[in-house]
Structure formats: structure tokens, C-alpha cells
Amino acid sequence: MQEITYLAEARWASPAPEMISDLLKESIERNVNQAYVPIQSGLPDHHLLSTRFTSYAAYYENGSEKPPVIRVVAQAELARAANSGPLAVGKFSRQVPAVENTVSSVIDAFNTASVQIADEMAVWVGENMGE
């Protein structure tokens, strides 16, 4: 299995962790009533959300000439307060194949996977907060 860690032609709007954080904030604001979520900050009713992305990569499993598969994997922990144990721990994973082996197609696949994970995580937060 080959992993790409750099796209020479790509121009990212911001670093991946910042982009994911922004997507997650937007998704939670859309899906959880009255929530504004800076990552690792307090949620309503003194909840704390911590996230860690363990994979954010393109895998060229069928060779470097074929479109890659984008894998985004994250773990999240929801707690009531900074010093309490977790209320819920979740693992989220998405695989999205790029349509073509081009920079724009790979970026589109990253975006799709990122939005899907952020939306799934937002719903999970709402469910575990009793929304």
C-alpha cells in the first residue's frame, strides 16, 4: 500500500486540522440545538469535546496511475467537564474514492470524506448530549 503525503499542485485553504475543526464546528452548529463548538472547548451544559484525527491520507492501492482512495479516521471523546471521565467515545471512518487521479479530484474526495465525518460526528454529539 502506498500513501501520498504531499500534493505538489494543491493549494489548501488552511492546514488540515484547522479545516476539519471548522467543518466540525459548522456541522455541530447545524445539527445540535444551541451549540457553538470550538474544538476542546465547552459545549452547552459544560460538555467538552476532544477529537483526534488518526488518518487523513490518500492511498494508491491500485498503483500510482489509478485514482486513490481517501481515508479519514477520527476518534472523539465527549465528557461533562474537563476533569470527568468520558460520557461517550466514538470512532469515525470514511473512505471516498477519487473519481480521477488529478489534484482537483483528490481534493474533492478529501472534502467529501471530511464533510461526511464532521456531519456524523455532529449527530453523535447531539445523541450523546441528549438532543
C-alpha atoms as a PDB file:
ATOM      1  CA  MET A   1       0.000   0.000   0.000  1.00  0.00           C
ATOM      2  CA  GLN A   2       1.328   3.447  -0.919  1.00  0.00           C
ATOM      3  CA  GLU A   3       0.454   6.640   0.899  1.00  0.00           C
ATOM      4  CA  ILE A   4       0.714  10.128  -0.519  1.00  0.00           C
ATOM      5  CA  THR A   5       1.631  12.839   1.929  1.00  0.00           C
ATOM      6  CA  TYR A   6       2.099  15.796  -0.421  1.00  0.00           C
ATOM      7  CA  LEU A   7       0.260  17.110  -3.479  1.00  0.00           C
ATOM      8  CA  ALA A   8       2.638  19.379  -5.373  1.00  0.00           C
ATOM      9  CA  GLU A   9      -0.085  21.240  -7.273  1.00  0.00           C
ATOM     10  CA  ALA A  10      -2.517  21.575  -4.375  1.00  0.00           C
ATOM     11  CA  ARG A  11      -3.312  24.845  -2.663  1.00  0.00           C
ATOM     12  CA  TRP A  12      -5.113  24.188   0.613  1.00  0.00           C
ATOM     13  CA  ALA A  13      -7.174  26.970   2.159  1.00  0.00           C
ATOM     14  CA  SER A  14      -5.682  26.192   5.581  1.00  0.00           C
ATOM     15  CA  PRO A  15      -3.897  23.312   7.352  1.00  0.00           C
ATOM     16  CA  ALA A  16      -5.906  20.058   7.510  1.00  0.00           C
ATOM     17  CA  PRO A  17      -6.521  20.162  11.298  1.00  0.00           C
ATOM     18  CA  GLU A  18      -7.875  23.702  11.005  1.00  0.00           C
ATOM     19  CA  MET A  19     -10.119  22.796   8.049  1.00  0.00           C
ATOM     20  CA  ILE A  20     -11.506  19.754   9.885  1.00  0.00           C
ATOM     21  CA  SER A  21     -12.056  21.808  13.041  1.00  0.00           C
ATOM     22  CA  ASP A  22     -14.021  24.400  11.069  1.00  0.00           C
ATOM     23  CA  LEU A  23     -16.116  21.702   9.360  1.00  0.00           C
ATOM     24  CA  LEU A  24     -16.863  20.069  12.694  1.00  0.00           C
ATOM     25  CA  LYS A  25     -17.911  23.383  14.264  1.00  0.00           C
ATOM     26  CA  GLU A  26     -20.238  24.107  11.344  1.00  0.00           C
ATOM     27  CA  SER A  27     -21.745  20.605  11.433  1.00  0.00           C
ATOM     28  CA  ILE A  28     -22.383  20.710  15.168  1.00  0.00           C
ATOM     29  CA  GLU A  29     -23.919  24.172  14.918  1.00  0.00           C
ATOM     30  CA  ARG A  30     -26.284  22.821  12.227  1.00  0.00           C
ATOM     31  CA  ASN A  31     -27.132  19.566  13.998  1.00  0.00           C
ATOM     32  CA  VAL A  32     -27.061  20.273  17.741  1.00  0.00           C
ATOM     33  CA  ASN A  33     -29.528  22.763  19.198  1.00  0.00           C
ATOM     34  CA  GLN A  34     -27.912  25.951  20.512  1.00  0.00           C
ATOM     35  CA  ALA A  35     -24.337  24.708  20.217  1.00  0.00           C
ATOM     36  CA  TYR A  36     -21.220  26.574  19.281  1.00  0.00           C
ATOM     37  CA  VAL A  37     -18.217  24.314  19.468  1.00  0.00           C
ATOM     38  CA  PRO A  38     -14.644  25.461  19.431  1.00  0.00           C
ATOM     39  CA  ILE A  39     -12.787  22.152  19.474  1.00  0.00           C
ATOM     40  CA  GLN A  40     -11.766  21.184  23.006  1.00  0.00           C
ATOM     41  CA  SER A  41     -13.951  23.909  24.430  1.00  0.00           C
ATOM     42  CA  GLY A  42     -17.111  23.793  26.444  1.00  0.00           C
ATOM     43  CA  LEU A  43     -20.354  22.684  24.868  1.00  0.00           C
ATOM     44  CA  PRO A  44     -23.717  23.665  26.328  1.00  0.00           C
ATOM     45  CA  ASP A  45     -24.268  22.241  29.806  1.00  0.00           C
ATOM     46  CA  HIS A  46     -20.494  22.076  30.373  1.00  0.00           C
ATOM     47  CA  HIS A  47     -19.711  19.353  27.864  1.00  0.00           C
ATOM     48  CA  LEU A  48     -16.214  19.010  26.457  1.00  0.00           C
ATOM     49  CA  LEU A  49     -15.465  17.528  23.033  1.00  0.00           C
ATOM     50  CA  SER A  50     -11.967  16.303  22.204  1.00  0.00           C
ATOM     51  CA  THR A  51     -11.095  14.977  18.769  1.00  0.00           C
ATOM     52  CA  ARG A  52      -8.068  13.319  17.221  1.00  0.00           C
ATOM     53  CA  PHE A  53      -7.684  12.546  13.551  1.00  0.00           C
ATOM     54  CA  THR A  54      -5.559   9.427  13.148  1.00  0.00           C
ATOM     55  CA  SER A  55      -5.643   9.302   9.356  1.00  0.00           C
ATOM     56  CA  TYR A  56      -6.091  11.966   6.719  1.00  0.00           C
ATOM     57  CA  ALA A  57      -4.447  10.454   3.663  1.00  0.00           C
ATOM     58  CA  ALA A  58      -4.760   9.331   0.050  1.00  0.00           C
ATOM     59  CA  TYR A  59      -3.911   5.677  -0.585  1.00  0.00           C
ATOM     60  CA  TYR A  60      -2.856   4.487  -4.031  1.00  0.00           C
ATOM     61  CA  GLU A  61      -3.823   0.853  -3.569  1.00  0.00           C
ATOM     62  CA  ASN A  62      -4.062   0.124  -7.307  1.00  0.00           C
ATOM     63  CA  GLY A  63      -0.858   1.872  -8.353  1.00  0.00           C
ATOM     64  CA  SER A  64       0.209   5.461  -8.782  1.00  0.00           C
ATOM     65  CA  GLU A  65      -1.626   5.901 -12.101  1.00  0.00           C
ATOM     66  CA  LYS A  66      -5.073   4.993 -10.719  1.00  0.00           C
ATOM     67  CA  PRO A  67      -7.249   7.298  -8.587  1.00  0.00           C
ATOM     68  CA  PRO A  68      -6.516   6.989  -4.865  1.00  0.00           C
ATOM     69  CA  VAL A  69      -8.873   6.161  -2.030  1.00  0.00           C
ATOM     70  CA  ILE A  70      -9.120   8.903   0.589  1.00  0.00           C
ATOM     71  CA  ARG A  71      -9.255   7.701   4.179  1.00  0.00           C
ATOM     72  CA  VAL A  72     -10.208   9.956   7.055  1.00  0.00           C
ATOM     73  CA  VAL A  73     -10.308   8.378  10.515  1.00  0.00           C
ATOM     74  CA  ALA A  74     -11.077  10.212  13.751  1.00  0.00           C
ATOM     75  CA  GLN A  75     -11.714   9.499  17.395  1.00  0.00           C
ATOM     76  CA  ALA A  76     -13.866  11.697  19.601  1.00  0.00           C
ATOM     77  CA  GLU A  77     -14.479  11.840  23.311  1.00  0.00           C
ATOM     78  CA  LEU A  78     -17.383  13.655  24.911  1.00  0.00           C
ATOM     79  CA  ALA A  79     -17.214  14.478  28.624  1.00  0.00           C
ATOM     80  CA  ARG A  80     -19.289  16.585  31.027  1.00  0.00           C
ATOM     81  CA  ALA A  81     -16.364  18.554  32.419  1.00  0.00           C
ATOM     82  CA  ALA A  82     -12.635  18.751  31.899  1.00  0.00           C
ATOM     83  CA  ASN A  83     -11.876  16.550  34.909  1.00  0.00           C
ATOM     84  CA  SER A  84     -14.587  13.917  34.469  1.00  0.00           C
ATOM     85  CA  GLY A  85     -14.488  10.631  32.652  1.00  0.00           C
ATOM     86  CA  PRO A  86     -15.915  10.334  29.152  1.00  0.00           C
ATOM     87  CA  LEU A  87     -19.658  10.113  28.577  1.00  0.00           C
ATOM     88  CA  ALA A  88     -19.036   8.643  25.154  1.00  0.00           C
ATOM     89  CA  VAL A  89     -16.128   7.695  22.947  1.00  0.00           C
ATOM     90  CA  GLY A  90     -16.626   7.297  19.224  1.00  0.00           C
ATOM     91  CA  LYS A  91     -14.578   6.276  16.214  1.00  0.00           C
ATOM     92  CA  PHE A  92     -15.453   7.651  12.807  1.00  0.00           C
ATOM     93  CA  SER A  93     -14.100   6.499   9.473  1.00  0.00           C
ATOM     94  CA  ARG A  94     -14.747   7.358   5.850  1.00  0.00           C
ATOM     95  CA  GLN A  95     -13.263   6.042   2.628  1.00  0.00           C
ATOM     96  CA  VAL A  96     -14.017   8.017  -0.510  1.00  0.00           C
ATOM     97  CA  PRO A  97     -12.509   7.049  -3.860  1.00  0.00           C
ATOM     98  CA  ALA A  98     -11.288   9.908  -6.004  1.00  0.00           C
ATOM     99  CA  VAL A  99     -13.042   9.933  -9.379  1.00  0.00           C
ATOM    100  CA  GLU A 100      -9.817  10.657 -11.268  1.00  0.00           C
ATOM    101  CA  ASN A 101      -6.125  10.774 -10.479  1.00  0.00           C
ATOM    102  CA  THR A 102      -5.982  14.573 -10.574  1.00  0.00           C
ATOM    103  CA  VAL A 103      -5.302  17.094  -7.848  1.00  0.00           C
ATOM    104  CA  SER A 104      -8.801  18.573  -8.080  1.00  0.00           C
ATOM    105  CA  SER A 105     -10.459  15.145  -7.883  1.00  0.00           C
ATOM    106  CA  VAL A 106      -8.318  14.132  -4.900  1.00  0.00           C
ATOM    107  CA  ILE A 107      -9.162  17.399  -3.118  1.00  0.00           C
ATOM    108  CA  ASP A 108     -12.873  16.863  -3.861  1.00  0.00           C
ATOM    109  CA  ALA A 109     -12.658  13.371  -2.326  1.00  0.00           C
ATOM    110  CA  PHE A 110     -10.895  14.765   0.769  1.00  0.00           C
ATOM    111  CA  ASN A 111     -13.642  17.373   1.089  1.00  0.00           C
ATOM    112  CA  THR A 112     -16.407  14.775   0.735  1.00  0.00           C
ATOM    113  CA  ALA A 113     -14.853  12.485   3.360  1.00  0.00           C
ATOM    114  CA  SER A 114     -14.240  15.396   5.734  1.00  0.00           C
ATOM    115  CA  VAL A 115     -17.795  16.732   5.484  1.00  0.00           C
ATOM    116  CA  GLN A 116     -19.256  13.237   5.974  1.00  0.00           C
ATOM    117  CA  ILE A 117     -17.166  12.638   9.110  1.00  0.00           C
ATOM    118  CA  ALA A 118     -17.965  16.079  10.526  1.00  0.00           C
ATOM    119  CA  ASP A 119     -21.697  15.551   9.958  1.00  0.00           C
ATOM    120  CA  GLU A 120     -21.625  12.062  11.500  1.00  0.00           C
ATOM    121  CA  MET A 121     -19.682  13.365  14.489  1.00  0.00           C
ATOM    122  CA  ALA A 122     -22.143  16.240  14.962  1.00  0.00           C
ATOM    123  CA  VAL A 123     -25.098  13.847  15.056  1.00  0.00           C
ATOM    124  CA  TRP A 124     -23.173  11.626  17.507  1.00  0.00           C
ATOM    125  CA  VAL A 125     -22.538  14.640  19.781  1.00  0.00           C
ATOM    126  CA  GLY A 126     -26.236  15.534  19.736  1.00  0.00           C
ATOM    127  CA  GLU A 127     -27.271  11.962  20.543  1.00  0.00           C
ATOM    128  CA  ASN A 128     -24.825  11.715  23.423  1.00  0.00           C
ATOM    129  CA  MET A 129     -25.820  15.102  24.849  1.00  0.00           C
ATOM    130  CA  GLY A 130     -29.459  14.021  24.847  1.00  0.00           C
ATOM    131  CA  GLU A 131     -30.504  16.217  21.897  1.00  0.00           C
END
